[in-house]
Each structure stands twice: as C-alpha cells, then as structure tokens.
PDB file of N, CA and C in Angstrom:
ATOM      1  N   UNK A   1       0.558   8.816   1.837  1.00  0.00           N
ATOM      2  CA  UNK A   1      -0.256   8.347   0.729  1.00  0.00           C
ATOM      3  C   UNK A   1      -1.522   7.720   1.282  1.00  0.00           C
ATOM      4  N   UNK A   2      -2.640   8.089   0.734  1.00  0.00           N
ATOM      5  CA  UNK A   2      -3.913   7.516   1.136  1.00  0.00           C
ATOM      6  C   UNK A   2      -4.100   6.182   0.416  1.00  0.00           C
ATOM      7  N   UNK A   3      -4.395   5.162   1.175  1.00  0.00           N
ATOM      8  CA  UNK A   3      -4.548   3.826   0.590  1.00  0.00           C
ATOM      9  C   UNK A   3      -6.016   3.604   0.257  1.00  0.00           C
ATOM     10  N   UNK A   4      -6.282   3.419  -1.028  1.00  0.00           N
ATOM     11  CA  UNK A   4      -7.631   3.177  -1.521  1.00  0.00           C
ATOM     12  C   UNK A   4      -7.561   2.047  -2.547  1.00  0.00           C
ATOM     13  N   UNK A   5      -8.722   1.539  -2.974  1.00  0.00           N
ATOM     14  CA  UNK A   5      -8.695   0.518  -4.027  1.00  0.00           C
ATOM     15  C   UNK A   5      -8.065   1.025  -5.324  1.00  0.00           C
ATOM     16  N   UNK A   6      -7.993   2.334  -5.496  1.00  0.00           N
ATOM     17  CA  UNK A   6      -7.397   2.895  -6.720  1.00  0.00           C
ATOM     18  C   UNK A   6      -5.894   2.679  -6.779  1.00  0.00           C
ATOM     19  N   UNK A   7      -5.299   2.164  -5.722  1.00  0.00           N
ATOM     20  CA  UNK A   7      -3.846   1.969  -5.711  1.00  0.00           C
ATOM     21  C   UNK A   7      -3.406   1.003  -6.799  1.00  0.00           C
ATOM     22  N   UNK A   8      -4.275   0.067  -7.197  1.00  0.00           N
ATOM     23  CA  UNK A   8      -3.901  -0.881  -8.251  1.00  0.00           C
ATOM     24  C   UNK A   8      -3.825  -0.206  -9.613  1.00  0.00           C
ATOM     25  N   UNK A   9      -4.338   0.996  -9.725  1.00  0.00           N
ATOM     26  CA  UNK A   9      -4.266   1.742 -10.983  1.00  0.00           C
ATOM     27  C   UNK A   9      -2.951   2.496 -11.124  1.00  0.00           C
ATOM     28  N   UNK A  10      -2.155   2.515 -10.081  1.00  0.00           N
ATOM     29  CA  UNK A  10      -0.930   3.302 -10.067  1.00  0.00           C
ATOM     30  C   UNK A  10       0.204   2.709 -10.875  1.00  0.00           C
ATOM     31  N   UNK A  11       1.294   3.440 -10.907  1.00  0.00           N
ATOM     32  CA  UNK A  11       2.511   3.032 -11.606  1.00  0.00           C
ATOM     33  C   UNK A  11       3.410   2.301 -10.611  1.00  0.00           C
ATOM     34  N   UNK A  12       3.895   1.133 -10.993  1.00  0.00           N
ATOM     35  CA  UNK A  12       4.729   0.344 -10.095  1.00  0.00           C
ATOM     36  C   UNK A  12       6.197   0.328 -10.506  1.00  0.00           C
ATOM     37  N   UNK A  13       6.509   0.759 -11.707  1.00  0.00           N
ATOM     38  CA  UNK A  13       7.900   0.797 -12.137  1.00  0.00           C
ATOM     39  C   UNK A  13       8.634   1.834 -11.295  1.00  0.00           C
ATOM     40  N   UNK A  14       9.739   1.409 -10.704  1.00  0.00           N
ATOM     41  CA  UNK A  14      10.531   2.282  -9.849  1.00  0.00           C
ATOM     42  C   UNK A  14      10.259   2.119  -8.368  1.00  0.00           C
ATOM     43  N   UNK A  15       9.224   1.361  -7.994  1.00  0.00           N
ATOM     44  CA  UNK A  15       8.939   1.158  -6.582  1.00  0.00           C
ATOM     45  C   UNK A  15       9.719  -0.042  -6.042  1.00  0.00           C
ATOM     46  N   UNK A  16       9.978  -0.015  -4.750  1.00  0.00           N
ATOM     47  CA  UNK A  16      10.611  -1.153  -4.086  1.00  0.00           C
ATOM     48  C   UNK A  16       9.537  -2.209  -3.849  1.00  0.00           C
ATOM     49  N   UNK A  17       9.879  -3.452  -4.090  1.00  0.00           N
ATOM     50  CA  UNK A  17       8.904  -4.524  -3.905  1.00  0.00           C
ATOM     51  C   UNK A  17       9.544  -5.726  -3.244  1.00  0.00           C
ATOM     52  N   UNK A  18       8.700  -6.530  -2.620  1.00  0.00           N
ATOM     53  CA  UNK A  18       9.119  -7.787  -1.993  1.00  0.00           C
ATOM     54  C   UNK A  18       7.987  -8.776  -2.189  1.00  0.00           C
ATOM     55  N   UNK A  19       8.348 -10.007  -2.490  1.00  0.00           N
ATOM     56  CA  UNK A  19       7.338 -11.051  -2.643  1.00  0.00           C
ATOM     57  C   UNK A  19       7.214 -11.772  -1.303  1.00  0.00           C
ATOM     58  N   UNK A  20       6.004 -11.744  -0.745  1.00  0.00           N
ATOM     59  CA  UNK A  20       5.795 -12.341   0.573  1.00  0.00           C
ATOM     60  C   UNK A  20       5.217 -13.748   0.503  1.00  0.00           C
ATOM     61  N   UNK A  21       4.381 -14.011  -0.499  1.00  0.00           N
ATOM     62  CA  UNK A  21       3.807 -15.349  -0.679  1.00  0.00           C
ATOM     63  C   UNK A  21       3.744 -15.639  -2.168  1.00  0.00           C
ATOM     64  N   UNK A  22       3.856 -16.914  -2.509  1.00  0.00           N
ATOM     65  CA  UNK A  22       3.771 -17.288  -3.913  1.00  0.00           C
ATOM     66  C   UNK A  22       3.493 -18.776  -4.040  1.00  0.00           C
ATOM     67  N   UNK A  23       2.904 -19.144  -5.174  1.00  0.00           N
ATOM     68  CA  UNK A  23       2.721 -20.556  -5.487  1.00  0.00           C
ATOM     69  C   UNK A  23       4.055 -21.181  -5.858  1.00  0.00           C
ATOM     70  N   UNK A  24       5.012 -20.365  -6.291  1.00  0.00           N
ATOM     71  CA  UNK A  24       6.354 -20.822  -6.640  1.00  0.00           C
ATOM     72  C   UNK A  24       7.278 -20.512  -5.463  1.00  0.00           C
ATOM     73  N   UNK A  25       7.734 -21.513  -4.727  1.00  0.00           N
ATOM     74  CA  UNK A  25       8.565 -21.263  -3.545  1.00  0.00           C
ATOM     75  C   UNK A  25       9.834 -20.457  -3.837  1.00  0.00           C
ATOM     76  N   UNK A  26      10.355 -20.532  -5.042  1.00  0.00           N
ATOM     77  CA  UNK A  26      11.583 -19.802  -5.357  1.00  0.00           C
ATOM     78  C   UNK A  26      11.351 -18.297  -5.473  1.00  0.00           C
ATOM     79  N   UNK A  27      10.112 -17.855  -5.629  1.00  0.00           N
ATOM     80  CA  UNK A  27       9.805 -16.426  -5.714  1.00  0.00           C
ATOM     81  C   UNK A  27       9.818 -15.741  -4.348  1.00  0.00           C
ATOM     82  N   UNK A  28       9.464 -16.475  -3.295  1.00  0.00           N
ATOM     83  CA  UNK A  28       9.334 -15.875  -1.970  1.00  0.00           C
ATOM     84  C   UNK A  28      10.675 -15.309  -1.515  1.00  0.00           C
ATOM     85  N   UNK A  29      10.644 -14.045  -1.101  1.00  0.00           N
ATOM     86  CA  UNK A  29      11.856 -13.381  -0.625  1.00  0.00           C
ATOM     87  C   UNK A  29      12.540 -12.525  -1.668  1.00  0.00           C
ATOM     88  N   UNK A  30      12.136 -12.627  -2.922  1.00  0.00           N
ATOM     89  CA  UNK A  30      12.725 -11.747  -3.943  1.00  0.00           C
ATOM     90  C   UNK A  30      12.322 -10.321  -3.613  1.00  0.00           C
ATOM     91  N   UNK A  31      13.309  -9.446  -3.564  1.00  0.00           N
ATOM     92  CA  UNK A  31      13.005  -8.045  -3.282  1.00  0.00           C
ATOM     93  C   UNK A  31      13.928  -7.165  -4.096  1.00  0.00           C
ATOM     94  N   UNK A  32      13.450  -5.987  -4.388  1.00  0.00           N
ATOM     95  CA  UNK A  32      14.232  -5.032  -5.162  1.00  0.00           C
ATOM     96  C   UNK A  32      13.326  -4.047  -5.871  1.00  0.00           C
ATOM     97  N   UNK A  33      13.907  -3.306  -6.776  1.00  0.00           N
ATOM     98  CA  UNK A  33      13.175  -2.275  -7.516  1.00  0.00           C
ATOM     99  C   UNK A  33      12.546  -2.886  -8.772  1.00  0.00           C
ATOM    100  N   UNK A  34      11.284  -2.529  -9.013  1.00  0.00           N
ATOM    101  CA  UNK A  34      10.599  -2.963 -10.230  1.00  0.00           C
ATOM    102  C   UNK A  34      11.165  -2.158 -11.392  1.00  0.00           C
ATOM    103  N   UNK A  35      11.724  -2.848 -12.391  1.00  0.00           N
ATOM    104  CA  UNK A  35      12.341  -2.155 -13.514  1.00  0.00           C
ATOM    105  C   UNK A  35      11.525  -2.260 -14.798  1.00  0.00           C
ATOM    106  N   UNK A  36      10.579  -3.200 -14.846  1.00  0.00           N
ATOM    107  CA  UNK A  36       9.744  -3.334 -16.036  1.00  0.00           C
ATOM    108  C   UNK A  36       8.459  -4.045 -15.658  1.00  0.00           C
ATOM    109  N   UNK A  37       7.427  -3.818 -16.454  1.00  0.00           N
ATOM    110  CA  UNK A  37       6.147  -4.472 -16.221  1.00  0.00           C
ATOM    111  C   UNK A  37       5.528  -4.822 -17.561  1.00  0.00           C
ATOM    112  N   UNK A  38       5.036  -6.046 -17.667  1.00  0.00           N
ATOM    113  CA  UNK A  38       4.288  -6.463 -18.843  1.00  0.00           C
ATOM    114  C   UNK A  38       2.899  -6.870 -18.386  1.00  0.00           C
ATOM    115  N   UNK A  39       2.126  -7.423 -19.287  1.00  0.00           N
ATOM    116  CA  UNK A  39       0.762  -7.823 -18.967  1.00  0.00           C
ATOM    117  C   UNK A  39       0.711  -8.820 -17.808  1.00  0.00           C
ATOM    118  N   UNK A  40       1.642  -9.752 -17.782  1.00  0.00           N
ATOM    119  CA  UNK A  40       1.553 -10.807 -16.769  1.00  0.00           C
ATOM    120  C   UNK A  40       2.784 -10.934 -15.876  1.00  0.00           C
ATOM    121  N   UNK A  41       3.802 -10.072 -16.045  1.00  0.00           N
ATOM    122  CA  UNK A  41       5.006 -10.197 -15.216  1.00  0.00           C
ATOM    123  C   UNK A  41       5.526  -8.850 -14.736  1.00  0.00           C
ATOM    124  N   UNK A  42       6.247  -8.906 -13.631  1.00  0.00           N
ATOM    125  CA  UNK A  42       7.074  -7.803 -13.173  1.00  0.00           C
ATOM    126  C   UNK A  42       8.525  -8.246 -13.331  1.00  0.00           C
ATOM    127  N   UNK A  43       9.387  -7.344 -13.714  1.00  0.00           N
ATOM    128  CA  UNK A  43      10.819  -7.606 -13.708  1.00  0.00           C
ATOM    129  C   UNK A  43      11.388  -6.843 -12.530  1.00  0.00           C
ATOM    130  N   UNK A  44      11.976  -7.578 -11.587  1.00  0.00           N
ATOM    131  CA  UNK A  44      12.505  -6.998 -10.354  1.00  0.00           C
ATOM    132  C   UNK A  44      14.017  -7.165 -10.353  1.00  0.00           C
ATOM    133  N   UNK A  45      14.733  -6.068 -10.099  1.00  0.00           N
ATOM    134  CA  UNK A  45      16.194  -6.106 -10.030  1.00  0.00           C
ATOM    135  C   UNK A  45      16.571  -6.566  -8.627  1.00  0.00           C
ATOM    136  N   UNK A  46      17.011  -7.829  -8.516  1.00  0.00           N
ATOM    137  CA  UNK A  46      17.288  -8.473  -7.225  1.00  0.00           C
ATOM    138  C   UNK A  46      18.700  -9.044  -7.238  1.00  0.00           C
ATOM    139  N   UNK A  47      19.509  -8.660  -6.270  1.00  0.00           N
ATOM    140  CA  UNK A  47      20.862  -9.199  -6.095  1.00  0.00           C
ATOM    141  C   UNK A  47      21.697  -9.113  -7.370  1.00  0.00           C
ATOM    142  N   UNK A  48      21.606  -7.973  -8.041  1.00  0.00           N
ATOM    143  CA  UNK A  48      22.441  -7.761  -9.208  1.00  0.00           C
ATOM    144  C   UNK A  48      21.944  -8.356 -10.508  1.00  0.00           C
ATOM    145  N   UNK A  49      20.756  -8.938 -10.504  1.00  0.00           N
ATOM    146  CA  UNK A  49      20.208  -9.484 -11.747  1.00  0.00           C
ATOM    147  C   UNK A  49      18.700  -9.247 -11.817  1.00  0.00           C
ATOM    148  N   UNK A  50      18.192  -9.232 -13.027  1.00  0.00           N
ATOM    149  CA  UNK A  50      16.766  -9.018 -13.248  1.00  0.00           C
ATOM    150  C   UNK A  50      16.026 -10.350 -13.157  1.00  0.00           C
ATOM    151  N   UNK A  51      14.988 -10.376 -12.336  1.00  0.00           N
ATOM    152  CA  UNK A  51      14.171 -11.589 -12.172  1.00  0.00           C
ATOM    153  C   UNK A  51      12.762 -11.293 -12.656  1.00  0.00           C
ATOM    154  N   UNK A  52      12.230 -12.154 -13.499  1.00  0.00           N
ATOM    155  CA  UNK A  52      10.848 -12.030 -13.959  1.00  0.00           C
ATOM    156  C   UNK A  52       9.955 -12.817 -13.017  1.00  0.00           C
ATOM    157  N   UNK A  53       8.912 -12.162 -12.529  1.00  0.00           N
ATOM    158  CA  UNK A  53       7.986 -12.780 -11.586  1.00  0.00           C
ATOM    159  C   UNK A  53       6.587 -12.705 -12.173  1.00  0.00           C
ATOM    160  N   UNK A  54       5.906 -13.824 -12.213  1.00  0.00           N
ATOM    161  CA  UNK A  54       4.540 -13.871 -12.728  1.00  0.00           C
ATOM    162  C   UNK A  54       3.613 -13.232 -11.701  1.00  0.00           C
ATOM    163  N   UNK A  55       2.854 -12.245 -12.124  1.00  0.00           N
ATOM    164  CA  UNK A  55       1.976 -11.492 -11.221  1.00  0.00           C
ATOM    165  C   UNK A  55       0.912 -12.379 -10.586  1.00  0.00           C
ATOM    166  N   UNK A  56       0.316 -13.242 -11.380  1.00  0.00           N
ATOM    167  CA  UNK A  56      -0.832 -14.034 -10.959  1.00  0.00           C
ATOM    168  C   UNK A  56      -0.521 -15.006  -9.830  1.00  0.00           C
ATOM    169  N   UNK A  57       0.749 -15.327  -9.631  1.00  0.00           N
ATOM    170  CA  UNK A  57       1.084 -16.364  -8.665  1.00  0.00           C
ATOM    171  C   UNK A  57       1.771 -15.836  -7.412  1.00  0.00           C
ATOM    172  N   UNK A  58       1.727 -14.513  -7.180  1.00  0.00           N
ATOM    173  CA  UNK A  58       2.462 -13.957  -6.047  1.00  0.00           C
ATOM    174  C   UNK A  58       1.670 -12.861  -5.341  1.00  0.00           C
ATOM    175  N   UNK A  59       2.047 -12.627  -4.090  1.00  0.00           N
ATOM    176  CA  UNK A  59       1.536 -11.498  -3.310  1.00  0.00           C
ATOM    177  C   UNK A  59       2.727 -10.575  -3.071  1.00  0.00           C
ATOM    178  N   UNK A  60       2.552  -9.301  -3.406  1.00  0.00           N
ATOM    179  CA  UNK A  60       3.642  -8.337  -3.378  1.00  0.00           C
ATOM    180  C   UNK A  60       3.460  -7.327  -2.257  1.00  0.00           C
ATOM    181  N   UNK A  61       4.566  -6.909  -1.664  1.00  0.00           N
ATOM    182  CA  UNK A  61       4.599  -5.736  -0.797  1.00  0.00           C
ATOM    183  C   UNK A  61       5.312  -4.646  -1.569  1.00  0.00           C
ATOM    184  N   UNK A  62       4.656  -3.515  -1.768  1.00  0.00           N
ATOM    185  CA  UNK A  62       5.251  -2.385  -2.469  1.00  0.00           C
ATOM    186  C   UNK A  62       5.510  -1.267  -1.477  1.00  0.00           C
ATOM    187  N   UNK A  63       6.701  -0.685  -1.543  1.00  0.00           N
ATOM    188  CA  UNK A  63       7.052   0.449  -0.703  1.00  0.00           C
ATOM    189  C   UNK A  63       7.127   1.674  -1.603  1.00  0.00           C
ATOM    190  N   UNK A  64       6.246   2.629  -1.361  1.00  0.00           N
ATOM    191  CA  UNK A  64       6.178   3.822  -2.186  1.00  0.00           C
ATOM    192  C   UNK A  64       7.121   4.895  -1.649  1.00  0.00           C
ATOM    193  N   UNK A  65       7.291   5.947  -2.425  1.00  0.00           N
ATOM    194  CA  UNK A  65       8.289   6.983  -2.112  1.00  0.00           C
ATOM    195  C   UNK A  65       8.050   7.676  -0.776  1.00  0.00           C
ATOM    196  N   UNK A  66       6.819   7.698  -0.294  1.00  0.00           N
ATOM    197  CA  UNK A  66       6.550   8.337   0.995  1.00  0.00           C
ATOM    198  C   UNK A  66       6.705   7.384   2.174  1.00  0.00           C
ATOM    199  N   UNK A  67       7.144   6.150   1.920  1.00  0.00           N
ATOM    200  CA  UNK A  67       7.379   5.176   2.981  1.00  0.00           C
ATOM    201  C   UNK A  67       6.228   4.232   3.224  1.00  0.00           C
ATOM    202  N   UNK A  68       5.102   4.443   2.568  1.00  0.00           N
ATOM    203  CA  UNK A  68       3.939   3.578   2.737  1.00  0.00           C
ATOM    204  C   UNK A  68       4.218   2.208   2.134  1.00  0.00           C
ATOM    205  N   UNK A  69       3.905   1.155   2.896  1.00  0.00           N
ATOM    206  CA  UNK A  69       4.053  -0.219   2.409  1.00  0.00           C
ATOM    207  C   UNK A  69       2.653  -0.809   2.257  1.00  0.00           C
ATOM    208  N   UNK A  70       2.383  -1.349   1.066  1.00  0.00           N
ATOM    209  CA  UNK A  70       1.068  -1.896   0.757  1.00  0.00           C
ATOM    210  C   UNK A  70       1.227  -3.316   0.236  1.00  0.00           C
ATOM    211  N   UNK A  71       0.407  -4.228   0.742  1.00  0.00           N
ATOM    212  CA  UNK A  71       0.411  -5.608   0.252  1.00  0.00           C
ATOM    213  C   UNK A  71      -0.714  -5.761  -0.760  1.00  0.00           C
ATOM    214  N   UNK A  72      -0.353  -6.233  -1.959  1.00  0.00           N
ATOM    215  CA  UNK A  72      -1.333  -6.379  -3.037  1.00  0.00           C
ATOM    216  C   UNK A  72      -1.198  -7.763  -3.651  1.00  0.00           C
ATOM    217  N   UNK A  73      -2.338  -8.429  -3.809  1.00  0.00           N
ATOM    218  CA  UNK A  73      -2.360  -9.721  -4.491  1.00  0.00           C
ATOM    219  C   UNK A  73      -2.105  -9.476  -5.981  1.00  0.00           C
ATOM    220  N   UNK A  74      -1.191 -10.216  -6.547  1.00  0.00           N
ATOM    221  CA  UNK A  74      -0.825 -10.038  -7.941  1.00  0.00           C
ATOM    222  C   UNK A  74      -1.967 -10.275  -8.903  1.00  0.00           C
ATOM    223  N   UNK A  75      -2.982 -11.025  -8.489  1.00  0.00           N
ATOM    224  CA  UNK A  75      -4.132 -11.270  -9.361  1.00  0.00           C
ATOM    225  C   UNK A  75      -4.855  -9.973  -9.707  1.00  0.00           C
ATOM    226  N   UNK A  76      -4.786  -8.986  -8.805  1.00  0.00           N
ATOM    227  CA  UNK A  76      -5.403  -7.685  -9.068  1.00  0.00           C
ATOM    228  C   UNK A  76      -4.590  -6.857 -10.058  1.00  0.00           C
ATOM    229  N   UNK A  77      -3.334  -7.213 -10.251  1.00  0.00           N
ATOM    230  CA  UNK A  77      -2.437  -6.430 -11.090  1.00  0.00           C
ATOM    231  C   UNK A  77      -2.263  -6.987 -12.500  1.00  0.00           C
ATOM    232  N   UNK A  78      -2.882  -8.121 -12.778  1.00  0.00           N
ATOM    233  CA  UNK A  78      -2.735  -8.739 -14.100  1.00  0.00           C
ATOM    234  C   UNK A  78      -3.375  -7.832 -15.144  1.00  0.00           C
ATOM    235  N   UNK A  79      -2.659  -7.602 -16.205  1.00  0.00           N
ATOM    236  CA  UNK A  79      -3.126  -6.749 -17.295  1.00  0.00           C
ATOM    237  C   UNK A  79      -2.091  -5.684 -17.589  1.00  0.00           C
ATOM    238  N   UNK A  80      -2.192  -5.104 -18.748  1.00  0.00           N
ATOM    239  CA  UNK A  80      -1.261  -4.045 -19.111  1.00  0.00           C
ATOM    240  C   UNK A  80      -1.484  -2.842 -18.200  1.00  0.00           C
ATOM    241  N   UNK A  81      -0.422  -2.130 -17.865  1.00  0.00           N
ATOM    242  CA  UNK A  81      -0.570  -0.988 -16.964  1.00  0.00           C
ATOM    243  C   UNK A  81      -1.601   0.026 -17.452  1.00  0.00           C
ATOM    244  N   UNK A  82      -1.645   0.271 -18.749  1.00  0.00           N
ATOM    245  CA  UNK A  82      -2.596   1.247 -19.268  1.00  0.00           C
ATOM    246  C   UNK A  82      -4.034   0.749 -19.198  1.00  0.00           C
ATOM    247  N   UNK A  83      -4.233  -0.575 -19.201  1.00  0.00           N
ATOM    248  CA  UNK A  83      -5.583  -1.128 -19.087  1.00  0.00           C
ATOM    249  C   UNK A  83      -6.075  -1.155 -17.650  1.00  0.00           C
ATOM    250  N   UNK A  84      -5.157  -1.149 -16.692  1.00  0.00           N
ATOM    251  CA  UNK A  84      -5.575  -1.128 -15.281  1.00  0.00           C
ATOM    252  C   UNK A  84      -6.287   0.163 -14.917  1.00  0.00           C
ATOM    253  N   UNK A  85      -6.047   1.220 -15.664  1.00  0.00           N
ATOM    254  CA  UNK A  85      -6.735   2.485 -15.407  1.00  0.00           C
ATOM    255  C   UNK A  85      -8.241   2.338 -15.573  1.00  0.00           C
ATOM    256  N   UNK A  86      -8.649   1.465 -16.474  1.00  0.00           N
ATOM    257  CA  UNK A  86     -10.069   1.264 -16.753  1.00  0.00           C
ATOM    258  C   UNK A  86     -10.725   0.281 -15.791  1.00  0.00           C
ATOM    259  N   UNK A  87      -9.914  -0.460 -15.062  1.00  0.00           N
ATOM    260  CA  UNK A  87     -10.407  -1.514 -14.188  1.00  0.00           C
ATOM    261  C   UNK A  87     -11.026  -0.926 -12.926  1.00  0.00           C
ATOM    262  N   UNK A  88     -12.162  -1.462 -12.527  1.00  0.00           N
ATOM    263  CA  UNK A  88     -12.753  -1.041 -11.259  1.00  0.00           C
ATOM    264  C   UNK A  88     -12.501  -2.158 -10.238  1.00  0.00           C
ATOM    265  N   UNK A  89     -12.177  -1.761  -9.022  1.00  0.00           N
ATOM    266  CA  UNK A  89     -11.849  -2.721  -7.976  1.00  0.00           C
ATOM    267  C   UNK A  89     -12.815  -2.536  -6.826  1.00  0.00           C
ATOM    268  N   UNK A  90     -13.392  -3.641  -6.393  1.00  0.00           N
ATOM    269  CA  UNK A  90     -14.315  -3.595  -5.267  1.00  0.00           C
ATOM    270  C   UNK A  90     -13.526  -3.384  -3.986  1.00  0.00           C
ATOM    271  N   UNK A  91     -13.987  -2.522  -3.150  1.00  0.00           N
ATOM    272  CA  UNK A  91     -13.308  -2.240  -1.880  1.00  0.00           C
ATOM    273  C   UNK A  91     -13.430  -3.453  -0.963  1.00  0.00           C
ATOM    274  N   UNK A  92     -12.295  -3.893  -0.421  1.00  0.00           N
ATOM    275  CA  UNK A  92     -12.266  -5.110   0.388  1.00  0.00           C
ATOM    276  C   UNK A  92     -12.272  -4.820   1.890  1.00  0.00           C
ATOM    277  N   UNK A  93     -12.246  -3.561   2.291  1.00  0.00           N
ATOM    278  CA  UNK A  93     -12.246  -3.224   3.714  1.00  0.00           C
ATOM    279  C   UNK A  93     -13.197  -2.126   4.020  1.00  0.00           C
TER     280      UNK A  93
END
C-alpha cells in the first residue's frame, strides 16, 4: 500500500488498530479490530468487549490487510467517514 495523505480518507472499519499515545492513560495499549466508527469515536473490539475511544485524544496505529502499519493522529480522523472524503490534508513529509 502506498502511504499518502489520502490515507485519512480511507475506510477503517475492519482494520487492526492499537492506541500508542493518548491524553487518557487508560486508552494506551487498547488494540483490536475496529468494529464501528462515528463522528468522534472508534469502537474497538478489545479483549472480548467493545471499547469506545475518542478519536481526538489518541494516536492510532492501523495495520492494513497488506501488512502496512501506519500511525495517524486521531485529530485528522475526526468527522463522519463520508465527510472525510471531502477533507484535504496537507502533506507532512
């Protein structure tokens, strides 16, 4: 998978995720499959239960089907999935 700023426009439901940093210490280390997404939260299936994580307060590592792991600040992901398609992201590298 080619990593570009357009990655934030992608679909995250069904991907493996891990929270690496967060303003909420209890979020750090949550990992599992993303099962739902709303405007401001991801629902991650972790250790047999669904955990809601606020996007704005966490940094996520997503592992895509081809094995690529990408770290994305949750602040870039805030908004409904269908509205992210319209969002333009400045290239940071």
